[in-house]
Each structure stands twice: as C-alpha cells, then as structure tokens.
C-alpha cells in the first residue's frame, strides 16, 4: 500500500494531507499558522522524502524550512537559506518556487524569488547561491511587476545544463550552461499591452511546464494566451483554440506521458473567475491540439480562481491531479483529472499545493 502526501500552502499556514487511495484524506493541524506559504517543494530523490517550504512572516520576513519526517519536525538553516550578497543591496521579499532538479543531479534544488532572481542549492536546499547571470542581466531594470509582484515563479530544469525560468513580468528566459548566462525566449508569445511587433522580452507569462517525454517541448500559460514550443522555447505557437478562455495561471504537464497537459481557464482579466462561475479543469492529450473539460466532483458554482502553483500532479499511475482555490477548497483526482473529490474546505486562500508518493 502506498501513501500520498499532499502539502497545501495558504495565506495563513501549511496543511498536510495523507491518503492511501487518494480519495479519503486525513488532514493535519496547521503548521506555521499566520505565515504565508507561497512555495513548497517535495524532494523524493535518493530514497528519502524532504519537505521544503518557503514561508513569509509579516514580522520575520521570508525563509525556508525543511522537514525530513513528513512534517513532524522542522528546521531552519542557520542564517537563512536564501540571502542576497551584500553588494546587491537587495533583500528577499518572497520565495515563489522551490524545485528539486532531476534524479541524476541529487542535491540540486532551484528557487525562484521576489525580487526577480533565481537561486541554486547543491546541498538539498539547505543553502542557496544567487545565479548572478540572471541578476546581473542587462534586461533586469526593464522587468516589471505583475499584479502579484515581481516574481521568478517558474524554474524548469531540463536535460544537461538547460534551465528555463518564467517571470512576471519579463517572460521566458533560457540558460544552456546551468544558469550562468540567460537569453529571452518569447518569440510568438503575445504582449498585447506593449506596442507591435511583440518585444523580445516583457511578456507576462504566468506559468510554464516541460513535457516529460519530449524535453524540447514546453507549454506556457500567458496573460492572455496558451502556447506550446517544440524547439525548447525558441518559438511558440498558440494552443488556445477549444478553451473557453485563454487566460489563467495553471499549466501542468503529465509526468510520464507525452502531450498530456491540464489548464484551469479564468475569465479575463479584470474578473478572474471561472467562466460562467463553474470551476473546471481542461485537459489535452495531443499537446494542445484539442481540449476537453472535466467538472465531475467540482462544485457547480464557484467564483474563486486557482493560482499558478495552487495546482499540481503526482507521479503515481494513474497520475493524481490536485488543485486549491482562493476560497480555501482543495480537490484531488485519482484518475488523471476525470473526477475529483474534496480534500479540505474553508482553509485560508490556497497559494500552493504539491503532491508526492511517499511510501
């Protein structure tokens, strides 16, 4: 029998849920109550499970905590895990992303932060080093802030030394040398709020994901626009046809199968509610050529949005799909998004969910 761990980060704390069948769930007491939890990483490489969470206290500011016993105890690295070098004159405002690298790069964990910055750890997330190539990039002074802040919110490691990052606002950037140098990769992505032709950078990309089988295939949910790239981000084409809206925050890729992705469309962009007030997950099994809607088990009426990291997949077979709303409801699917059951309700505003098979 296997156990699935679902970590739920909210505006006012972290909850952990466990299940043996991904239908009936046991919910923990809150951890870090009254602290914002915008990022979670679950590292299952090397036969152990490390739970990492980036929290933000209104009093103490942002930091990273680790647990190696599924949340029974937590430790904070001495002097903090993420600290800007003194010469930058900057301070971390929020930790948006904690992303373990591939299994063949044990110990490497990536972090994306506000102000826009990417960090790399080689000791399992104990300490992070600023990727100066992005911080010192000549474009940095022109990157703006999205509605939620200036965020490096997606860090997507790939084969060899390739890493992609998406930021609001700035768009997609790619490194081929392990984050030493970066180039913008936004050709084909809309920036309707900027003059034509579309600029080299400045797009407000909300989330990116990499295809697990075709590593040069990427998917992007933009501020107006859903896209696919077949050439590792060099060019992007629209895959929004068939969706009720091209606006949203979520982009999930299947961890084992090529071409399967999930999005959660929202009515844009001043309202930011599910179209028609009906929460729905849309799935494609052909890399975005066609889409179909899943609503089974989701509420018939819901005017709450799902934020970019408030949705996740696990690595089981069949894959589990999870999402949490700004109304504090959390849903889980054990059949790849066909049907959902409720894990929790009336939690604070859900900011991040992550799931993993842990036993």
Protein backbone atom coordinates (compact mmCIF):
# COMPACT_ATOMS: atom_id res chain seq x y z
CA UNK A 1 0.00 0.00 0.00
CA UNK A 2 1.30 3.44 -0.91
CA UNK A 3 0.73 6.75 0.83
CA UNK A 4 0.31 10.05 -0.95
CA UNK A 5 1.31 13.28 0.74
CA UNK A 6 -0.46 16.48 -0.28
CA UNK A 7 1.05 19.72 1.02
CA UNK A 8 -1.23 22.77 0.98
CA UNK A 9 0.30 26.23 1.40
CA UNK A 10 -2.11 29.04 2.23
CA UNK A 11 -2.15 32.70 3.13
CA UNK A 12 -2.14 31.69 6.81
CA UNK A 13 -0.20 28.46 7.16
CA UNK A 14 0.56 25.00 5.81
CA UNK A 15 -1.65 21.92 6.00
CA UNK A 16 -0.55 18.35 5.18
CA UNK A 17 -2.98 15.70 3.97
CA UNK A 18 -2.30 11.98 3.53
CA UNK A 19 -4.22 9.24 1.78
CA UNK A 20 -3.83 5.57 0.92
CA UNK A 21 -6.25 5.72 -2.03
CA UNK A 22 -6.24 9.44 -2.98
CA UNK A 23 -9.98 9.58 -2.29
CA UNK A 24 -10.22 9.63 1.51
CA UNK A 25 -7.81 12.08 3.14
CA UNK A 26 -6.56 12.80 6.64
CA UNK A 27 -5.77 16.48 7.23
CA UNK A 28 -3.14 17.67 9.72
CA UNK A 29 -3.24 20.60 12.10
CA UNK A 30 -1.84 23.82 10.59
CA UNK A 31 1.90 24.40 10.51
CA UNK A 32 3.35 27.95 10.50
CA UNK A 33 -0.04 29.39 11.32
CA UNK A 34 -0.35 33.07 10.36
CA UNK A 35 2.62 32.86 7.98
CA UNK A 36 2.12 32.97 4.23
CA UNK A 37 3.26 29.79 2.43
CA UNK A 38 3.70 30.61 -1.27
CA UNK A 39 6.09 27.77 -2.17
CA UNK A 40 6.54 24.08 -1.39
CA UNK A 41 8.98 21.51 -2.71
CA UNK A 42 8.82 17.76 -2.09
CA UNK A 43 12.13 16.05 -2.84
CA UNK A 44 11.86 12.25 -3.08
CA UNK A 45 15.22 11.62 -4.72
CA UNK A 46 17.65 9.16 -3.16
CA UNK A 47 15.05 7.13 -1.31
CA UNK A 48 14.13 9.80 1.23
CA UNK A 49 11.45 12.48 1.39
CA UNK A 50 12.41 16.06 2.19
CA UNK A 51 9.63 18.58 2.52
CA UNK A 52 10.73 22.17 1.88
CA UNK A 53 8.57 25.22 2.31
CA UNK A 54 9.20 28.88 1.71
CA UNK A 55 7.27 30.91 4.26
CA UNK A 56 6.79 34.63 4.71
CA UNK A 57 6.13 36.10 8.12
CA UNK A 58 4.91 39.67 8.38
CA UNK A 59 7.25 40.04 11.36
CA UNK A 60 10.32 37.94 10.45
CA UNK A 61 10.16 38.07 6.65
CA UNK A 62 10.78 35.13 4.25
CA UNK A 63 12.76 31.99 4.96
CA UNK A 64 12.93 28.27 4.11
CA UNK A 65 12.11 25.42 6.48
CA UNK A 66 12.85 21.71 5.93
CA UNK A 67 11.32 18.54 7.30
CA UNK A 68 12.73 15.04 6.83
CA UNK A 69 9.95 13.36 8.84
CA UNK A 70 6.85 14.40 6.86
CA UNK A 71 6.23 17.50 8.94
CA UNK A 72 6.65 16.05 12.43
CA UNK A 73 9.53 18.48 12.97
CA UNK A 74 11.00 21.42 11.06
CA UNK A 75 14.42 23.05 10.86
CA UNK A 76 15.54 26.40 9.51
CA UNK A 77 19.08 26.75 8.13
CA UNK A 78 21.32 28.91 10.25
CA UNK A 79 21.43 32.49 8.92
CA UNK A 80 18.69 31.62 6.43
CA UNK A 81 18.80 29.55 3.28
CA UNK A 82 18.42 32.45 0.81
CA UNK A 83 20.23 35.73 1.41
CA UNK A 84 21.32 38.28 -1.17
CA UNK A 85 25.05 39.11 -1.26
CA UNK A 86 25.80 42.43 0.39
CA UNK A 87 26.94 44.05 -2.86
CA UNK A 88 23.46 43.69 -4.41
CA UNK A 89 21.76 45.97 -1.90
CA UNK A 90 18.70 43.71 -2.15
CA UNK A 91 16.63 41.63 0.24
CA UNK A 92 14.36 38.66 -0.45
CA UNK A 93 10.69 39.62 -0.31
CA UNK A 94 9.06 36.29 -1.17
CA UNK A 95 10.13 32.77 -2.17
CA UNK A 96 7.88 31.83 -5.08
CA UNK A 97 9.31 28.47 -6.16
CA UNK A 98 11.24 25.52 -4.71
CA UNK A 99 12.04 23.00 -7.42
CA UNK A 100 14.15 19.84 -7.00
CA UNK A 101 16.25 19.05 -10.06
CA UNK A 102 16.40 15.69 -11.87
CA UNK A 103 17.30 12.42 -10.17
CA UNK A 104 20.73 12.39 -11.82
CA UNK A 105 21.55 15.72 -10.14
CA UNK A 106 20.98 14.81 -6.49
CA UNK A 107 21.20 17.66 -4.06
CA UNK A 108 20.43 20.33 -6.64
CA UNK A 109 17.36 22.42 -5.81
CA UNK A 110 16.27 25.62 -7.53
CA UNK A 111 14.47 28.59 -6.03
CA UNK A 112 12.70 31.49 -7.72
CA UNK A 113 12.21 34.63 -5.68
CA UNK A 114 10.99 38.19 -5.47
CA UNK A 115 12.65 40.47 -6.45
CA UNK A 116 13.12 38.56 -9.71
CA UNK A 117 16.01 36.19 -9.06
CA UNK A 118 16.93 32.52 -9.42
CA UNK A 119 18.96 30.60 -6.87
CA UNK A 120 20.71 27.20 -6.89
CA UNK A 121 21.38 24.85 -4.00
CA UNK A 122 23.72 21.85 -4.15
CA UNK A 123 23.01 20.58 -0.64
CA UNK A 124 19.36 19.61 -0.87
CA UNK A 125 18.01 23.08 -0.19
CA UNK A 126 19.99 23.88 2.94
CA UNK A 127 21.64 26.91 1.36
CA UNK A 128 21.22 28.66 -1.97
CA UNK A 129 23.57 30.72 -4.13
CA UNK A 130 22.30 33.59 -6.27
CA UNK A 131 22.55 32.96 -10.02
CA UNK A 132 24.37 36.15 -10.86
CA UNK A 133 23.96 35.70 -14.62
CA UNK A 134 20.24 36.46 -14.31
CA UNK A 135 20.54 39.00 -11.50
CA UNK A 136 23.14 40.99 -13.45
CA UNK A 137 21.31 40.61 -16.78
CA UNK A 138 21.12 43.88 -18.75
CA UNK A 139 17.34 43.45 -19.10
CA UNK A 140 16.69 43.36 -15.36
CA UNK A 141 15.99 47.07 -14.98
CA UNK A 142 13.16 46.70 -17.53
CA UNK A 143 11.41 43.73 -15.92
CA UNK A 144 8.19 44.83 -14.30
CA UNK A 145 5.88 43.56 -11.60
CA UNK A 146 2.73 41.58 -12.25
CA UNK A 147 -0.37 42.02 -10.12
CA UNK A 148 1.14 39.70 -7.52
CA UNK A 149 4.61 41.23 -7.55
CA UNK A 150 7.88 40.88 -9.44
CA UNK A 151 8.31 37.13 -9.41
CA UNK A 152 10.55 34.45 -10.82
CA UNK A 153 7.72 31.98 -10.39
CA UNK A 154 8.65 29.06 -12.68
CA UNK A 155 12.02 27.33 -12.67
CA UNK A 156 12.05 24.35 -15.03
CA UNK A 157 15.29 22.34 -15.21
CA UNK A 158 15.87 20.25 -18.32
CA UNK A 159 18.39 17.85 -19.80
CA UNK A 160 22.10 18.51 -19.43
CA UNK A 161 22.59 22.05 -18.14
CA UNK A 162 19.39 23.59 -19.54
CA UNK A 163 17.13 25.65 -17.27
CA UNK A 164 14.11 27.76 -18.18
CA UNK A 165 12.65 30.46 -15.97
CA UNK A 166 9.41 32.39 -16.38
CA UNK A 167 8.83 35.68 -14.65
CA UNK A 168 6.13 38.28 -14.20
CA UNK A 169 6.85 40.41 -15.98
CA UNK A 170 9.72 39.63 -18.27
CA UNK A 171 8.68 36.41 -19.98
CA UNK A 172 10.67 33.22 -20.52
CA UNK A 173 14.46 33.09 -20.31
CA UNK A 174 16.69 30.08 -21.00
CA UNK A 175 20.12 29.05 -19.84
CA UNK A 176 22.21 26.34 -21.52
CA UNK A 177 25.05 26.46 -19.00
CA UNK A 178 23.43 25.73 -15.65
CA UNK A 179 22.22 29.29 -15.03
CA UNK A 180 25.48 31.10 -15.77
CA UNK A 181 24.05 33.03 -18.74
CA UNK A 182 20.49 33.68 -19.95
CA UNK A 183 18.69 34.71 -23.15
CA UNK A 184 15.00 35.65 -23.62
CA UNK A 185 12.88 33.06 -25.45
CA UNK A 186 9.47 34.64 -26.16
CA UNK A 187 9.04 34.62 -29.95
CA UNK A 188 5.33 34.14 -30.65
CA UNK A 189 4.07 34.94 -27.13
CA UNK A 190 1.67 37.86 -27.01
CA UNK A 191 2.27 41.08 -25.14
CA UNK A 192 -0.90 42.92 -26.11
CA UNK A 193 -0.18 45.66 -23.60
CA UNK A 194 3.02 46.62 -25.48
CA UNK A 195 3.45 48.09 -28.97
CA UNK A 196 3.64 45.83 -32.03
CA UNK A 197 5.65 43.94 -33.01
CA UNK A 198 5.86 41.70 -29.95
CA UNK A 199 9.01 42.51 -27.99
CA UNK A 200 11.94 40.21 -27.31
CA UNK A 201 11.04 40.25 -23.62
CA UNK A 202 8.48 41.85 -21.32
CA UNK A 203 5.71 39.27 -21.72
CA UNK A 204 3.65 38.41 -18.64
CA UNK A 205 3.98 34.62 -18.72
CA UNK A 206 2.00 33.10 -15.84
CA UNK A 207 3.40 29.53 -15.81
CA UNK A 208 5.50 27.13 -17.88
CA UNK A 209 5.95 23.36 -17.85
CA UNK A 210 8.09 20.85 -19.73
CA UNK A 211 6.85 17.72 -21.48
CA UNK A 212 8.23 14.68 -19.63
CA UNK A 213 8.84 12.61 -22.78
CA UNK A 214 9.73 15.29 -25.35
CA UNK A 215 12.12 17.51 -23.38
CA UNK A 216 12.33 20.20 -26.06
CA UNK A 217 8.54 20.66 -25.85
CA UNK A 218 7.37 23.35 -23.45
CA UNK A 219 3.95 24.69 -22.55
CA UNK A 220 3.05 28.18 -21.35
CA UNK A 221 0.02 29.86 -19.83
CA UNK A 222 0.31 33.55 -20.56
CA UNK A 223 -1.59 36.65 -19.51
CA UNK A 224 -3.92 36.05 -22.47
CA UNK A 225 -2.59 33.11 -24.41
CA UNK A 226 -1.85 29.39 -24.11
CA UNK A 227 1.21 28.21 -26.03
CA UNK A 228 3.42 25.29 -26.99
CA UNK A 229 7.04 25.30 -28.07
CA UNK A 230 8.62 22.37 -29.90
CA UNK A 231 12.12 23.85 -30.01
CA UNK A 232 12.97 24.39 -26.36
CA UNK A 233 11.41 27.84 -26.27
CA UNK A 234 12.93 29.32 -29.41
CA UNK A 235 9.44 29.81 -30.90
CA UNK A 236 5.90 29.47 -29.51
CA UNK A 237 2.55 28.72 -31.20
CA UNK A 238 -0.95 29.17 -29.79
CA UNK A 239 -2.86 26.15 -28.50
CA UNK A 240 -5.77 28.15 -27.04
CA UNK A 241 -8.37 27.05 -29.62
CA UNK A 242 -11.06 24.98 -27.91
CA UNK A 243 -10.66 26.60 -24.50
CA UNK A 244 -13.37 28.87 -23.04
CA UNK A 245 -10.71 31.46 -22.20
CA UNK A 246 -7.03 31.91 -22.98
CA UNK A 247 -6.41 33.48 -19.57
CA UNK A 248 -5.37 31.60 -16.42
CA UNK A 249 -2.44 30.72 -14.22
CA UNK A 250 -2.14 26.92 -14.17
CA UNK A 251 -0.06 24.80 -16.55
CA UNK A 252 0.53 21.17 -15.60
CA UNK A 253 2.31 18.50 -17.70
CA UNK A 254 1.91 14.75 -17.30
CA UNK A 255 4.99 13.29 -15.55
CA UNK A 256 5.13 10.12 -17.70
CA UNK A 257 3.24 10.61 -20.97
CA UNK A 258 3.89 12.92 -23.89
CA UNK A 259 1.34 15.52 -24.88
CA UNK A 260 -0.95 15.46 -21.83
CA UNK A 261 -1.44 18.81 -20.09
CA UNK A 262 -4.02 20.45 -17.85
CA UNK A 263 -5.09 24.09 -17.51
CA UNK A 264 -7.72 25.91 -15.44
CA UNK A 265 -9.15 28.75 -17.55
CA UNK A 266 -10.35 32.00 -15.98
CA UNK A 267 -12.42 34.82 -17.37
CA UNK A 268 -10.00 37.66 -18.05
CA UNK A 269 -8.76 39.74 -16.97
CA UNK A 270 -10.44 42.11 -14.60
CA UNK A 271 -12.80 39.47 -13.20
CA UNK A 272 -10.53 36.44 -12.87
CA UNK A 273 -13.27 33.93 -12.11
CA UNK A 274 -14.03 30.56 -13.73
CA UNK A 275 -16.05 31.12 -16.92
CA UNK A 276 -19.74 31.09 -16.04
CA UNK A 277 -18.92 30.69 -12.37
CA UNK A 278 -18.19 26.98 -12.89
CA UNK A 279 -14.79 25.64 -11.83
CA UNK A 280 -13.42 23.29 -14.49
CA UNK A 281 -10.16 21.61 -15.45
CA UNK A 282 -9.38 21.34 -19.17
CA UNK A 283 -7.17 18.53 -20.44
CA UNK A 284 -5.39 17.88 -23.71
CA UNK A 285 -3.85 14.56 -24.73
CA UNK A 286 -2.42 15.84 -28.01
CA UNK A 287 -0.17 18.67 -26.83
CA UNK A 288 -2.94 21.25 -27.04
CA UNK A 289 -4.45 20.47 -30.44
CA UNK A 290 -7.76 19.61 -28.75
CA UNK A 291 -9.17 20.08 -25.24
CA UNK A 292 -11.89 18.53 -23.13
CA UNK A 293 -13.49 19.74 -19.93
CA UNK A 294 -13.63 17.92 -16.59
CA UNK A 295 -16.05 19.05 -13.88
CA UNK A 296 -17.08 15.82 -12.13
CA UNK A 297 -16.74 16.29 -8.38
CA UNK A 298 -16.10 20.02 -8.64
CA UNK A 299 -18.71 22.50 -7.35
CA UNK A 300 -21.46 23.58 -9.73
CA UNK A 301 -20.93 27.19 -8.64
CA UNK A 302 -17.57 28.62 -7.67
CA UNK A 303 -16.29 32.12 -8.31
CA UNK A 304 -12.81 31.51 -6.90
CA UNK A 305 -9.71 31.32 -9.05
CA UNK A 306 -6.85 28.81 -8.91
CA UNK A 307 -3.41 30.42 -8.67
CA UNK A 308 -0.36 29.29 -10.65
CA UNK A 309 1.13 27.00 -8.01
CA UNK A 310 -2.17 26.00 -6.40
CA UNK A 311 -2.32 23.02 -8.77
CA UNK A 312 -0.05 20.00 -9.06
CA UNK A 313 0.32 16.42 -10.23
CA UNK A 314 1.89 13.43 -8.50
CA UNK A 315 3.90 10.64 -10.15
CA UNK A 316 1.58 7.69 -9.48
CA UNK A 317 -0.09 5.54 -12.14
CA UNK A 318 -2.71 6.75 -12.88
CA UNK A 319 -1.50 10.26 -12.16
CA UNK A 320 -3.18 12.31 -9.47
CA UNK A 321 -4.23 15.89 -10.20
CA UNK A 322 -4.73 18.42 -7.39
CA UNK A 323 -5.95 21.98 -7.12
CA UNK A 324 -6.84 24.52 -4.45
CA UNK A 325 -8.91 27.68 -4.75
CA UNK A 326 -8.73 31.15 -3.33
CA UNK A 327 -11.84 30.20 -1.37
CA UNK A 328 -9.86 27.60 0.59
CA UNK A 329 -11.24 24.45 -1.07
CA UNK A 330 -8.85 21.68 -2.15
CA UNK A 331 -9.68 18.89 -4.61
CA UNK A 332 -7.89 15.70 -5.63
CA UNK A 333 -8.30 13.42 -8.62
CA UNK A 334 -7.00 9.83 -8.61
CA UNK A 335 -7.83 9.31 -12.30
CA UNK A 336 -5.83 11.99 -14.10
CA UNK A 337 -8.43 14.70 -13.72
CA UNK A 338 -11.53 12.81 -14.82
CA UNK A 339 -13.24 13.04 -11.41
CA UNK A 340 -12.42 14.96 -8.23
CA UNK A 341 -13.05 14.54 -4.51
CA UNK A 342 -12.77 17.24 -1.88
CA UNK A 343 -9.74 17.07 0.41
CA UNK A 344 -10.41 20.18 2.51
CA UNK A 345 -12.70 23.20 2.64
CA UNK A 346 -12.75 26.64 4.25
CA UNK A 347 -8.98 26.87 4.51
CA UNK A 348 -7.34 30.26 4.01
CA UNK A 349 -6.59 31.38 0.46
CA UNK A 350 -4.65 28.49 -1.18
CA UNK A 351 -1.36 29.65 -2.72
CA UNK A 352 0.50 26.41 -3.43
CA UNK A 353 -0.11 22.65 -3.48
CA UNK A 354 2.38 19.84 -4.06
CA UNK A 355 1.87 16.07 -4.00
CA UNK A 356 4.14 13.04 -3.88
CA UNK A 357 4.01 9.31 -3.28
CA UNK A 358 5.98 8.90 -0.05
CA UNK A 359 5.51 5.27 1.00
